[in-house]
Amino acid sequence: MSEPQIVGVILAGGLARRMGGGDKALRPLAGRPVLDWVIARARPQVSALALNANGDPARFAQWDLPVLADPVDGFVGPLAGVLAGLDWAAGLGAAWLATFPCDAPFLPADLVARLQAARQAAGVPLACARSGGRDHPVVGLWPVSLREDLRTALVNDGLRKVDLWTARHGLAAAEFSVAPHDPFFNANRPEDFQMAEGLASGLP
């Protein structure tokens, strides 16, 4: 029996307040947009890839990805982007959605496989990444079968925190080393981009 299809979505629907607004995904890192780095890491790991972003999708046209707006109004956080991805995945007939943050340019090449392995070993429906003793809730694997439960939590219950929802269903964590650097380093502030430039210079 073949493995259930896993598709992926890059989460870029936030307001980037700590960066002063704008699209973090479009900021340059070592001469190309951060989004290029994330796509290069994510695309080989999934059978199809989309981008969750709000506003005019034309600004992402050069990447030729489906652009999925939040299905819940009001910039309610990353769970809305996850739900957008789950709705898209369901339309493709996929069983699983992997999510990648748009500001993490150094994601592991085996991220999705290890998320799936952690989930299966724990016997739970959800998985997220962990490094340096810290969970990364939006670096995750989500079953399409839970999308209506998530929609109810967002729309009817007003739930916003990722870990509150995942705790309802069971979450495994896939542990990753932080040597030589944390693969989930994310560039939230201008000074983070300066650090990312140094990390990028040491990569092929």
N, C-alpha and C. Protein backbone atom coordinates (compact mmCIF):
# COMPACT_ATOMS: atom_id res chain seq x y z
N MET A 1 0.85 -1.19 0.00
CA MET A 1 0.00 0.00 0.00
C MET A 1 0.89 1.24 0.00
N SER A 2 0.56 2.21 -0.85
CA SER A 2 1.37 3.42 -0.93
C SER A 2 1.09 4.33 0.25
N GLU A 3 2.04 5.20 0.55
CA GLU A 3 1.88 6.15 1.62
C GLU A 3 0.79 7.16 1.27
N PRO A 4 -0.03 7.61 2.26
CA PRO A 4 -1.01 8.65 1.97
C PRO A 4 -0.32 9.91 1.46
N GLN A 5 -0.99 10.59 0.55
CA GLN A 5 -0.40 11.78 -0.06
C GLN A 5 -0.24 12.90 0.96
N ILE A 6 0.93 13.51 0.97
CA ILE A 6 1.21 14.67 1.83
C ILE A 6 1.47 15.88 0.94
N VAL A 7 0.69 16.94 1.13
CA VAL A 7 0.93 18.19 0.44
C VAL A 7 1.40 19.22 1.47
N GLY A 8 1.90 20.35 1.00
CA GLY A 8 2.47 21.33 1.92
C GLY A 8 1.97 22.74 1.65
N VAL A 9 1.97 23.55 2.70
CA VAL A 9 1.66 24.97 2.55
C VAL A 9 2.67 25.78 3.36
N ILE A 10 3.15 26.84 2.75
CA ILE A 10 4.03 27.80 3.41
C ILE A 10 3.16 28.89 4.02
N LEU A 11 3.31 29.11 5.32
CA LEU A 11 2.46 30.06 6.04
C LEU A 11 3.07 31.45 5.98
N ALA A 12 2.41 32.34 5.23
CA ALA A 12 2.89 33.72 5.09
C ALA A 12 1.75 34.70 5.27
N GLY A 13 0.77 34.32 6.09
CA GLY A 13 -0.42 35.14 6.24
C GLY A 13 -0.39 36.12 7.38
N GLY A 14 0.71 36.19 8.11
CA GLY A 14 0.79 37.08 9.28
C GLY A 14 1.03 38.53 8.89
N LEU A 15 1.02 39.37 9.91
CA LEU A 15 1.16 40.82 9.70
C LEU A 15 2.61 41.31 9.84
N ALA A 16 3.51 40.43 10.26
CA ALA A 16 4.94 40.77 10.39
C ALA A 16 5.15 42.04 11.21
N ARG A 17 4.47 42.14 12.33
CA ARG A 17 4.56 43.37 13.15
C ARG A 17 5.99 43.64 13.62
N ARG A 18 6.72 42.57 13.99
CA ARG A 18 8.08 42.78 14.51
C ARG A 18 9.05 43.21 13.43
N MET A 19 8.64 43.04 12.16
CA MET A 19 9.47 43.52 11.05
C MET A 19 8.99 44.89 10.57
N GLY A 20 7.98 45.46 11.23
CA GLY A 20 7.44 46.73 10.79
C GLY A 20 6.42 46.59 9.68
N GLY A 21 5.86 45.40 9.53
CA GLY A 21 4.86 45.17 8.50
C GLY A 21 5.49 44.69 7.20
N GLY A 22 4.64 44.45 6.21
CA GLY A 22 5.12 43.97 4.91
C GLY A 22 5.24 42.45 4.89
N ASP A 23 5.82 41.95 3.81
CA ASP A 23 5.94 40.50 3.61
C ASP A 23 7.34 40.04 4.00
N LYS A 24 7.44 39.29 5.10
CA LYS A 24 8.75 38.74 5.47
C LYS A 24 9.27 37.82 4.37
N ALA A 25 8.37 37.11 3.73
CA ALA A 25 8.77 36.13 2.72
C ALA A 25 9.49 36.76 1.54
N LEU A 26 9.25 38.06 1.31
CA LEU A 26 9.84 38.74 0.15
C LEU A 26 11.13 39.47 0.50
N ARG A 27 11.51 39.49 1.75
CA ARG A 27 12.76 40.16 2.13
C ARG A 27 13.96 39.37 1.64
N PRO A 28 15.00 40.06 1.21
CA PRO A 28 16.15 39.35 0.64
C PRO A 28 17.03 38.70 1.70
N LEU A 29 17.54 37.53 1.34
CA LEU A 29 18.53 36.83 2.16
C LEU A 29 19.58 36.28 1.21
N ALA A 30 20.80 36.77 1.36
CA ALA A 30 21.91 36.35 0.49
C ALA A 30 21.53 36.51 -0.99
N GLY A 31 20.88 37.60 -1.30
CA GLY A 31 20.62 37.96 -2.69
C GLY A 31 19.34 37.42 -3.30
N ARG A 32 18.56 36.67 -2.52
CA ARG A 32 17.27 36.21 -3.05
C ARG A 32 16.23 36.19 -1.94
N PRO A 33 14.96 36.25 -2.31
CA PRO A 33 13.92 36.33 -1.27
C PRO A 33 13.95 35.11 -0.34
N VAL A 34 13.61 35.35 0.92
CA VAL A 34 13.53 34.24 1.87
C VAL A 34 12.62 33.14 1.34
N LEU A 35 11.56 33.52 0.64
CA LEU A 35 10.63 32.53 0.12
C LEU A 35 11.33 31.53 -0.79
N ASP A 36 12.32 31.96 -1.54
CA ASP A 36 13.09 31.04 -2.38
C ASP A 36 13.74 29.94 -1.54
N TRP A 37 14.30 30.34 -0.41
CA TRP A 37 14.98 29.39 0.47
C TRP A 37 13.98 28.37 1.03
N VAL A 38 12.81 28.86 1.45
CA VAL A 38 11.81 27.97 2.05
C VAL A 38 11.27 27.00 1.00
N ILE A 39 10.98 27.50 -0.20
CA ILE A 39 10.47 26.63 -1.26
C ILE A 39 11.49 25.55 -1.60
N ALA A 40 12.76 25.93 -1.67
CA ALA A 40 13.80 24.95 -2.00
C ALA A 40 13.86 23.82 -0.98
N ARG A 41 13.60 24.12 0.28
CA ARG A 41 13.61 23.10 1.33
C ARG A 41 12.30 22.30 1.35
N ALA A 42 11.18 22.97 1.10
CA ALA A 42 9.88 22.33 1.28
C ALA A 42 9.44 21.51 0.07
N ARG A 43 9.66 22.03 -1.13
CA ARG A 43 9.05 21.40 -2.32
C ARG A 43 9.44 19.93 -2.50
N PRO A 44 10.69 19.53 -2.29
CA PRO A 44 11.02 18.12 -2.51
C PRO A 44 10.36 17.16 -1.52
N GLN A 45 9.80 17.69 -0.44
CA GLN A 45 9.26 16.84 0.63
C GLN A 45 7.77 16.57 0.51
N VAL A 46 7.09 17.23 -0.43
CA VAL A 46 5.64 17.11 -0.56
C VAL A 46 5.26 16.91 -2.02
N SER A 47 4.05 16.42 -2.24
CA SER A 47 3.61 16.15 -3.61
C SER A 47 3.02 17.39 -4.29
N ALA A 48 2.65 18.40 -3.52
CA ALA A 48 2.18 19.68 -4.07
C ALA A 48 2.43 20.73 -3.00
N LEU A 49 2.64 21.98 -3.44
CA LEU A 49 2.99 23.05 -2.51
C LEU A 49 2.17 24.29 -2.82
N ALA A 50 1.68 24.95 -1.76
CA ALA A 50 0.91 26.19 -1.90
C ALA A 50 1.45 27.21 -0.90
N LEU A 51 0.95 28.43 -1.02
CA LEU A 51 1.36 29.54 -0.15
C LEU A 51 0.11 30.13 0.48
N ASN A 52 0.11 30.24 1.80
CA ASN A 52 -0.97 30.94 2.50
C ASN A 52 -0.57 32.39 2.68
N ALA A 53 -1.31 33.30 2.06
CA ALA A 53 -1.04 34.73 2.17
C ALA A 53 -2.32 35.49 1.92
N ASN A 54 -2.44 36.65 2.57
CA ASN A 54 -3.61 37.50 2.39
C ASN A 54 -3.25 38.72 1.55
N GLY A 55 -4.26 39.41 1.05
CA GLY A 55 -4.01 40.55 0.17
C GLY A 55 -3.86 40.12 -1.28
N ASP A 56 -3.29 40.99 -2.09
CA ASP A 56 -3.17 40.75 -3.53
C ASP A 56 -2.21 39.59 -3.81
N PRO A 57 -2.70 38.50 -4.38
CA PRO A 57 -1.80 37.37 -4.64
C PRO A 57 -0.80 37.63 -5.76
N ALA A 58 -0.99 38.70 -6.53
CA ALA A 58 -0.12 38.98 -7.67
C ALA A 58 1.33 39.19 -7.25
N ARG A 59 1.55 39.61 -6.01
CA ARG A 59 2.94 39.87 -5.58
C ARG A 59 3.75 38.60 -5.46
N PHE A 60 3.08 37.46 -5.50
CA PHE A 60 3.77 36.17 -5.45
C PHE A 60 3.73 35.43 -6.78
N ALA A 61 3.34 36.12 -7.84
CA ALA A 61 3.09 35.44 -9.12
C ALA A 61 4.33 34.73 -9.66
N GLN A 62 5.52 35.27 -9.42
CA GLN A 62 6.72 34.69 -10.02
C GLN A 62 7.00 33.28 -9.52
N TRP A 63 6.43 32.89 -8.38
CA TRP A 63 6.69 31.56 -7.84
C TRP A 63 5.69 30.51 -8.36
N ASP A 64 4.65 30.94 -9.02
CA ASP A 64 3.70 30.01 -9.64
C ASP A 64 3.17 28.98 -8.65
N LEU A 65 2.82 29.43 -7.45
CA LEU A 65 2.20 28.59 -6.44
C LEU A 65 0.75 29.00 -6.24
N PRO A 66 -0.14 28.07 -5.92
CA PRO A 66 -1.47 28.49 -5.48
C PRO A 66 -1.34 29.38 -4.24
N VAL A 67 -2.05 30.50 -4.23
CA VAL A 67 -2.02 31.41 -3.08
C VAL A 67 -3.37 31.31 -2.37
N LEU A 68 -3.33 30.89 -1.13
CA LEU A 68 -4.54 30.61 -0.36
C LEU A 68 -4.72 31.68 0.71
N ALA A 69 -5.83 32.41 0.65
CA ALA A 69 -6.14 33.40 1.68
C ALA A 69 -6.74 32.71 2.90
N ASP A 70 -6.61 33.35 4.07
CA ASP A 70 -7.24 32.82 5.27
C ASP A 70 -8.75 32.69 5.04
N PRO A 71 -9.34 31.55 5.42
CA PRO A 71 -10.79 31.40 5.29
C PRO A 71 -11.57 32.03 6.44
N VAL A 72 -10.85 32.56 7.44
CA VAL A 72 -11.46 33.22 8.58
C VAL A 72 -10.96 34.66 8.59
N ASP A 73 -11.86 35.63 8.67
CA ASP A 73 -11.48 37.04 8.60
C ASP A 73 -10.79 37.50 9.88
N GLY A 74 -9.97 38.54 9.74
CA GLY A 74 -9.46 39.23 10.91
C GLY A 74 -8.05 38.88 11.34
N PHE A 75 -7.26 38.21 10.48
CA PHE A 75 -5.88 37.86 10.83
C PHE A 75 -5.84 37.19 12.21
N VAL A 76 -6.46 36.03 12.29
CA VAL A 76 -6.64 35.37 13.59
C VAL A 76 -5.47 34.46 13.96
N GLY A 77 -4.42 34.45 13.15
CA GLY A 77 -3.24 33.69 13.50
C GLY A 77 -2.99 32.51 12.58
N PRO A 78 -1.94 31.74 12.89
CA PRO A 78 -1.51 30.69 11.97
C PRO A 78 -2.52 29.56 11.78
N LEU A 79 -3.40 29.33 12.75
CA LEU A 79 -4.39 28.27 12.56
C LEU A 79 -5.29 28.54 11.36
N ALA A 80 -5.53 29.81 11.05
CA ALA A 80 -6.32 30.13 9.87
C ALA A 80 -5.59 29.72 8.60
N GLY A 81 -4.27 29.90 8.59
CA GLY A 81 -3.48 29.45 7.45
C GLY A 81 -3.46 27.93 7.34
N VAL A 82 -3.41 27.26 8.49
CA VAL A 82 -3.47 25.80 8.48
C VAL A 82 -4.81 25.35 7.90
N LEU A 83 -5.89 26.00 8.31
CA LEU A 83 -7.21 25.63 7.78
C LEU A 83 -7.29 25.88 6.28
N ALA A 84 -6.72 26.99 5.81
CA ALA A 84 -6.70 27.24 4.37
C ALA A 84 -5.98 26.11 3.65
N GLY A 85 -4.87 25.66 4.22
CA GLY A 85 -4.13 24.56 3.63
C GLY A 85 -4.89 23.25 3.66
N LEU A 86 -5.60 22.99 4.76
CA LEU A 86 -6.38 21.76 4.86
C LEU A 86 -7.52 21.74 3.85
N ASP A 87 -8.17 22.89 3.65
CA ASP A 87 -9.23 22.96 2.64
C ASP A 87 -8.68 22.68 1.25
N TRP A 88 -7.52 23.26 0.95
CA TRP A 88 -6.87 23.03 -0.35
C TRP A 88 -6.45 21.57 -0.48
N ALA A 89 -5.89 21.01 0.56
CA ALA A 89 -5.47 19.61 0.53
C ALA A 89 -6.65 18.68 0.30
N ALA A 90 -7.77 18.99 0.94
CA ALA A 90 -8.97 18.16 0.76
C ALA A 90 -9.42 18.17 -0.69
N GLY A 91 -9.32 19.34 -1.33
CA GLY A 91 -9.69 19.44 -2.73
C GLY A 91 -8.80 18.62 -3.64
N LEU A 92 -7.57 18.37 -3.21
CA LEU A 92 -6.64 17.55 -3.97
C LEU A 92 -6.78 16.06 -3.65
N GLY A 93 -7.58 15.75 -2.64
CA GLY A 93 -7.71 14.36 -2.21
C GLY A 93 -6.55 13.89 -1.35
N ALA A 94 -5.78 14.82 -0.79
CA ALA A 94 -4.64 14.47 0.05
C ALA A 94 -5.10 14.12 1.46
N ALA A 95 -4.32 13.30 2.14
CA ALA A 95 -4.66 12.88 3.50
C ALA A 95 -3.97 13.74 4.55
N TRP A 96 -2.86 14.38 4.19
CA TRP A 96 -2.03 15.09 5.17
C TRP A 96 -1.56 16.42 4.62
N LEU A 97 -1.39 17.37 5.53
CA LEU A 97 -0.83 18.68 5.20
C LEU A 97 0.39 18.93 6.08
N ALA A 98 1.51 19.27 5.45
CA ALA A 98 2.68 19.75 6.17
C ALA A 98 2.72 21.27 6.08
N THR A 99 3.06 21.92 7.18
CA THR A 99 3.14 23.39 7.17
C THR A 99 4.55 23.85 7.45
N PHE A 100 4.95 24.89 6.71
CA PHE A 100 6.30 25.45 6.79
C PHE A 100 6.18 26.95 7.02
N PRO A 101 6.88 27.52 7.98
CA PRO A 101 6.85 28.97 8.16
C PRO A 101 7.63 29.67 7.05
N CYS A 102 7.15 30.85 6.66
CA CYS A 102 7.78 31.57 5.54
C CYS A 102 9.08 32.24 5.93
N ASP A 103 9.40 32.27 7.22
CA ASP A 103 10.58 33.00 7.69
C ASP A 103 11.65 32.07 8.25
N ALA A 104 11.59 30.78 7.86
CA ALA A 104 12.57 29.79 8.35
C ALA A 104 13.32 29.23 7.15
N PRO A 105 14.43 29.86 6.76
CA PRO A 105 15.09 29.49 5.51
C PRO A 105 15.96 28.24 5.56
N PHE A 106 16.17 27.67 6.75
CA PHE A 106 17.13 26.56 6.89
C PHE A 106 16.45 25.27 7.33
N LEU A 107 15.23 25.03 6.89
CA LEU A 107 14.46 23.86 7.32
C LEU A 107 15.16 22.56 6.94
N PRO A 108 15.01 21.50 7.75
CA PRO A 108 15.65 20.22 7.45
C PRO A 108 15.08 19.58 6.18
N ALA A 109 15.94 18.90 5.45
CA ALA A 109 15.52 18.22 4.22
C ALA A 109 14.66 16.99 4.50
N ASP A 110 14.73 16.46 5.72
CA ASP A 110 13.94 15.29 6.08
C ASP A 110 12.83 15.63 7.08
N LEU A 111 12.42 16.88 7.09
CA LEU A 111 11.45 17.35 8.07
C LEU A 111 10.14 16.57 8.01
N VAL A 112 9.54 16.46 6.85
CA VAL A 112 8.21 15.85 6.75
C VAL A 112 8.27 14.37 7.11
N ALA A 113 9.29 13.67 6.64
CA ALA A 113 9.42 12.25 6.96
C ALA A 113 9.55 12.03 8.46
N ARG A 114 10.28 12.90 9.12
CA ARG A 114 10.47 12.72 10.57
C ARG A 114 9.23 13.14 11.36
N LEU A 115 8.48 14.10 10.87
CA LEU A 115 7.20 14.43 11.50
C LEU A 115 6.24 13.24 11.41
N GLN A 116 6.18 12.63 10.23
CA GLN A 116 5.29 11.49 10.06
C GLN A 116 5.74 10.32 10.94
N ALA A 117 7.04 10.08 11.02
CA ALA A 117 7.55 8.98 11.85
C ALA A 117 7.24 9.22 13.33
N ALA A 118 7.39 10.47 13.78
CA ALA A 118 7.11 10.78 15.19
C ALA A 118 5.64 10.58 15.51
N ARG A 119 4.78 11.01 14.60
CA ARG A 119 3.34 10.86 14.80
C ARG A 119 2.95 9.38 14.86
N GLN A 120 3.49 8.61 13.93
CA GLN A 120 3.16 7.19 13.90
C GLN A 120 3.67 6.47 15.15
N ALA A 121 4.87 6.79 15.59
CA ALA A 121 5.45 6.14 16.77
C ALA A 121 4.63 6.43 18.02
N ALA A 122 4.08 7.64 18.10
CA ALA A 122 3.31 8.03 19.28
C ALA A 122 1.84 7.63 19.17
N GLY A 123 1.40 7.25 17.99
CA GLY A 123 0.01 6.86 17.80
C GLY A 123 -0.97 8.01 17.93
N VAL A 124 -0.56 9.20 17.47
CA VAL A 124 -1.40 10.39 17.56
C VAL A 124 -1.56 11.00 16.17
N PRO A 125 -2.56 11.87 15.97
CA PRO A 125 -2.82 12.38 14.62
C PRO A 125 -1.97 13.58 14.20
N LEU A 126 -1.28 14.23 15.14
CA LEU A 126 -0.58 15.48 14.84
C LEU A 126 0.88 15.39 15.24
N ALA A 127 1.73 16.18 14.55
CA ALA A 127 3.14 16.25 14.92
C ALA A 127 3.66 17.65 14.66
N CYS A 128 4.61 18.07 15.48
CA CYS A 128 5.32 19.32 15.24
C CYS A 128 6.81 19.08 15.43
N ALA A 129 7.61 20.04 15.03
CA ALA A 129 9.06 19.95 15.19
C ALA A 129 9.46 20.51 16.56
N ARG A 130 10.60 20.01 17.06
CA ARG A 130 11.16 20.51 18.31
C ARG A 130 12.67 20.62 18.15
N SER A 131 13.24 21.68 18.69
CA SER A 131 14.70 21.83 18.70
C SER A 131 15.10 22.67 19.90
N GLY A 132 16.24 22.35 20.47
CA GLY A 132 16.72 23.12 21.61
C GLY A 132 15.74 23.18 22.76
N GLY A 133 14.95 22.13 22.95
CA GLY A 133 13.99 22.11 24.03
C GLY A 133 12.74 22.92 23.79
N ARG A 134 12.54 23.39 22.57
CA ARG A 134 11.39 24.26 22.26
C ARG A 134 10.59 23.68 21.11
N ASP A 135 9.28 23.61 21.29
CA ASP A 135 8.40 23.16 20.21
C ASP A 135 8.19 24.29 19.21
N HIS A 136 7.97 23.89 17.95
CA HIS A 136 7.67 24.84 16.88
C HIS A 136 6.29 24.47 16.32
N PRO A 137 5.23 25.02 16.90
CA PRO A 137 3.87 24.54 16.61
C PRO A 137 3.44 24.69 15.16
N VAL A 138 3.99 25.68 14.44
CA VAL A 138 3.55 25.87 13.05
C VAL A 138 4.40 25.09 12.06
N VAL A 139 5.41 24.39 12.54
CA VAL A 139 6.16 23.45 11.70
C VAL A 139 5.56 22.09 11.97
N GLY A 140 4.53 21.75 11.21
CA GLY A 140 3.75 20.61 11.64
C GLY A 140 3.20 19.74 10.53
N LEU A 141 2.58 18.65 10.97
CA LEU A 141 1.89 17.71 10.09
C LEU A 141 0.48 17.56 10.64
N TRP A 142 -0.50 17.76 9.74
CA TRP A 142 -1.90 17.88 10.13
C TRP A 142 -2.76 16.94 9.27
N PRO A 143 -3.65 16.14 9.87
CA PRO A 143 -4.53 15.28 9.08
C PRO A 143 -5.70 16.07 8.50
N VAL A 144 -5.98 15.87 7.24
CA VAL A 144 -7.09 16.55 6.60
C VAL A 144 -8.41 16.16 7.27
N SER A 145 -8.46 15.00 7.89
CA SER A 145 -9.68 14.55 8.56
C SER A 145 -10.11 15.45 9.71
N LEU A 146 -9.20 16.29 10.24
CA LEU A 146 -9.55 17.17 11.35
C LEU A 146 -9.91 18.59 10.91
N ARG A 147 -10.06 18.82 9.62
CA ARG A 147 -10.24 20.22 9.18
C ARG A 147 -11.56 20.82 9.66
N GLU A 148 -12.63 20.05 9.71
CA GLU A 148 -13.90 20.64 10.17
C GLU A 148 -13.86 20.89 11.68
N ASP A 149 -13.16 20.06 12.42
CA ASP A 149 -12.97 20.32 13.83
C ASP A 149 -12.21 21.63 14.03
N LEU A 150 -11.18 21.84 13.22
CA LEU A 150 -10.42 23.09 13.32
C LEU A 150 -11.27 24.29 12.93
N ARG A 151 -12.09 24.14 11.90
CA ARG A 151 -12.95 25.25 11.48
C ARG A 151 -13.91 25.63 12.62
N THR A 152 -14.49 24.62 13.26
CA THR A 152 -15.39 24.88 14.39
C THR A 152 -14.65 25.60 15.52
N ALA A 153 -13.44 25.15 15.82
CA ALA A 153 -12.65 25.77 16.89
C ALA A 153 -12.36 27.24 16.59
N LEU A 154 -12.07 27.54 15.34
CA LEU A 154 -11.74 28.92 14.95
C LEU A 154 -12.98 29.81 14.90
N VAL A 155 -14.02 29.31 14.25
CA VAL A 155 -15.19 30.15 13.98
C VAL A 155 -16.14 30.21 15.17
N ASN A 156 -16.42 29.07 15.78
CA ASN A 156 -17.41 29.03 16.86
C ASN A 156 -16.81 29.22 18.24
N ASP A 157 -15.62 28.66 18.45
CA ASP A 157 -15.02 28.70 19.78
C ASP A 157 -14.07 29.88 19.96
N GLY A 158 -13.70 30.54 18.87
CA GLY A 158 -12.78 31.66 18.98
C GLY A 158 -11.38 31.27 19.38
N LEU A 159 -11.02 30.00 19.17
CA LEU A 159 -9.69 29.52 19.57
C LEU A 159 -8.63 30.08 18.62
N ARG A 160 -7.51 30.52 19.19
CA ARG A 160 -6.45 31.13 18.38
C ARG A 160 -5.09 30.47 18.58
N LYS A 161 -4.83 29.90 19.74
CA LYS A 161 -3.50 29.36 20.03
C LYS A 161 -3.37 27.94 19.47
N VAL A 162 -2.30 27.73 18.72
CA VAL A 162 -2.09 26.45 18.06
C VAL A 162 -2.04 25.32 19.08
N ASP A 163 -1.27 25.51 20.16
CA ASP A 163 -1.07 24.40 21.09
C ASP A 163 -2.33 24.02 21.86
N LEU A 164 -3.26 24.96 22.01
CA LEU A 164 -4.52 24.62 22.68
C LEU A 164 -5.34 23.66 21.82
N TRP A 165 -5.31 23.88 20.51
CA TRP A 165 -6.08 22.99 19.63
C TRP A 165 -5.40 21.64 19.47
N THR A 166 -4.09 21.65 19.26
CA THR A 166 -3.40 20.37 19.06
C THR A 166 -3.48 19.50 20.31
N ALA A 167 -3.52 20.12 21.49
CA ALA A 167 -3.60 19.35 22.73
C ALA A 167 -4.90 18.56 22.82
N ARG A 168 -5.92 19.00 22.13
CA ARG A 168 -7.21 18.30 22.16
C ARG A 168 -7.12 16.94 21.46
N HIS A 169 -6.19 16.80 20.55
CA HIS A 169 -6.19 15.64 19.67
C HIS A 169 -4.98 14.72 19.85
N GLY A 170 -3.90 15.24 20.38
CA GLY A 170 -2.69 14.43 20.56
C GLY A 170 -1.60 14.87 19.59
N LEU A 171 -0.49 15.29 20.16
CA LEU A 171 0.60 15.87 19.37
C LEU A 171 1.91 15.18 19.72
N ALA A 172 2.62 14.73 18.70
CA ALA A 172 3.97 14.21 18.87
C ALA A 172 4.97 15.28 18.44
N ALA A 173 6.17 15.22 18.97
CA ALA A 173 7.23 16.16 18.59
C ALA A 173 8.40 15.39 18.00
N ALA A 174 8.85 15.83 16.85
CA ALA A 174 10.05 15.28 16.21
C ALA A 174 11.23 16.16 16.62
N GLU A 175 12.22 15.55 17.25
CA GLU A 175 13.36 16.29 17.81
C GLU A 175 14.45 16.47 16.75
N PHE A 176 14.96 17.70 16.63
CA PHE A 176 16.04 18.01 15.71
C PHE A 176 17.18 18.68 16.46
N SER A 177 18.39 18.39 16.04
CA SER A 177 19.57 18.96 16.67
C SER A 177 19.72 20.44 16.31
N VAL A 178 20.32 21.21 17.22
CA VAL A 178 20.59 22.62 16.94
C VAL A 178 22.05 22.84 16.55
N ALA A 179 22.78 21.76 16.30
CA ALA A 179 24.17 21.87 15.84
C ALA A 179 24.23 21.54 14.34
N PRO A 180 24.95 22.31 13.54
CA PRO A 180 25.73 23.52 13.89
C PRO A 180 24.87 24.77 14.06
N HIS A 181 23.59 24.72 13.67
CA HIS A 181 22.67 25.83 13.93
C HIS A 181 21.26 25.26 14.00
N ASP A 182 20.37 26.04 14.59
CA ASP A 182 18.98 25.61 14.73
C ASP A 182 18.32 25.63 13.35
N PRO A 183 17.85 24.46 12.85
CA PRO A 183 17.24 24.45 11.53
C PRO A 183 15.93 25.20 11.46
N PHE A 184 15.38 25.58 12.63
CA PHE A 184 14.13 26.32 12.66
C PHE A 184 14.35 27.78 13.03
N PHE A 185 15.59 28.23 12.87
CA PHE A 185 15.87 29.67 13.01
C PHE A 185 14.89 30.44 12.15
N ASN A 186 14.23 31.42 12.76
CA ASN A 186 13.29 32.22 11.97
C ASN A 186 13.61 33.70 12.10
N ALA A 187 13.44 34.39 11.00
CA ALA A 187 13.81 35.80 10.93
C ALA A 187 12.57 36.65 11.18
N ASN A 188 12.40 37.06 12.44
CA ASN A 188 11.25 37.86 12.83
C ASN A 188 11.54 39.35 12.87
N ARG A 189 12.79 39.70 13.13
CA ARG A 189 13.17 41.10 13.32
C ARG A 189 14.31 41.44 12.38
N PRO A 190 14.52 42.72 12.12
CA PRO A 190 15.61 43.09 11.20
C PRO A 190 16.96 42.52 11.61
N GLU A 191 17.24 42.47 12.93
CA GLU A 191 18.54 41.95 13.37
C GLU A 191 18.65 40.45 13.10
N ASP A 192 17.50 39.75 13.04
CA ASP A 192 17.54 38.32 12.71
C ASP A 192 18.04 38.11 11.29
N PHE A 193 17.71 39.02 10.39
CA PHE A 193 18.16 38.87 9.01
C PHE A 193 19.67 39.03 8.92
N GLN A 194 20.24 39.88 9.78
CA GLN A 194 21.70 40.00 9.79
C GLN A 194 22.33 38.67 10.22
N MET A 195 21.74 38.01 11.22
CA MET A 195 22.25 36.72 11.65
C MET A 195 22.05 35.67 10.56
N ALA A 196 20.90 35.71 9.89
CA ALA A 196 20.62 34.75 8.82
C ALA A 196 21.61 34.89 7.68
N GLU A 197 22.05 36.09 7.39
CA GLU A 197 23.05 36.29 6.34
C GLU A 197 24.33 35.53 6.67
N GLY A 198 24.72 35.57 7.95
CA GLY A 198 25.92 34.86 8.36
C GLY A 198 25.75 33.35 8.24
N LEU A 199 24.58 32.85 8.61
CA LEU A 199 24.31 31.42 8.48
C LEU A 199 24.27 31.00 7.02
N ALA A 200 23.64 31.81 6.19
CA ALA A 200 23.49 31.48 4.77
C ALA A 200 24.84 31.41 4.08
N SER A 201 25.77 32.25 4.51
CA SER A 201 27.07 32.29 3.85
C SER A 201 27.84 30.98 4.05
N GLY A 202 27.47 30.22 5.08
CA GLY A 202 28.15 28.96 5.32
C GLY A 202 27.48 27.76 4.72
N LEU A 203 26.42 27.99 3.96
CA LEU A 203 25.67 26.88 3.33
C LEU A 203 25.95 26.81 1.85
N PRO A 204 25.82 25.62 1.25
CA PRO A 204 26.01 25.50 -0.20
C PRO A 204 24.87 26.17 -0.95
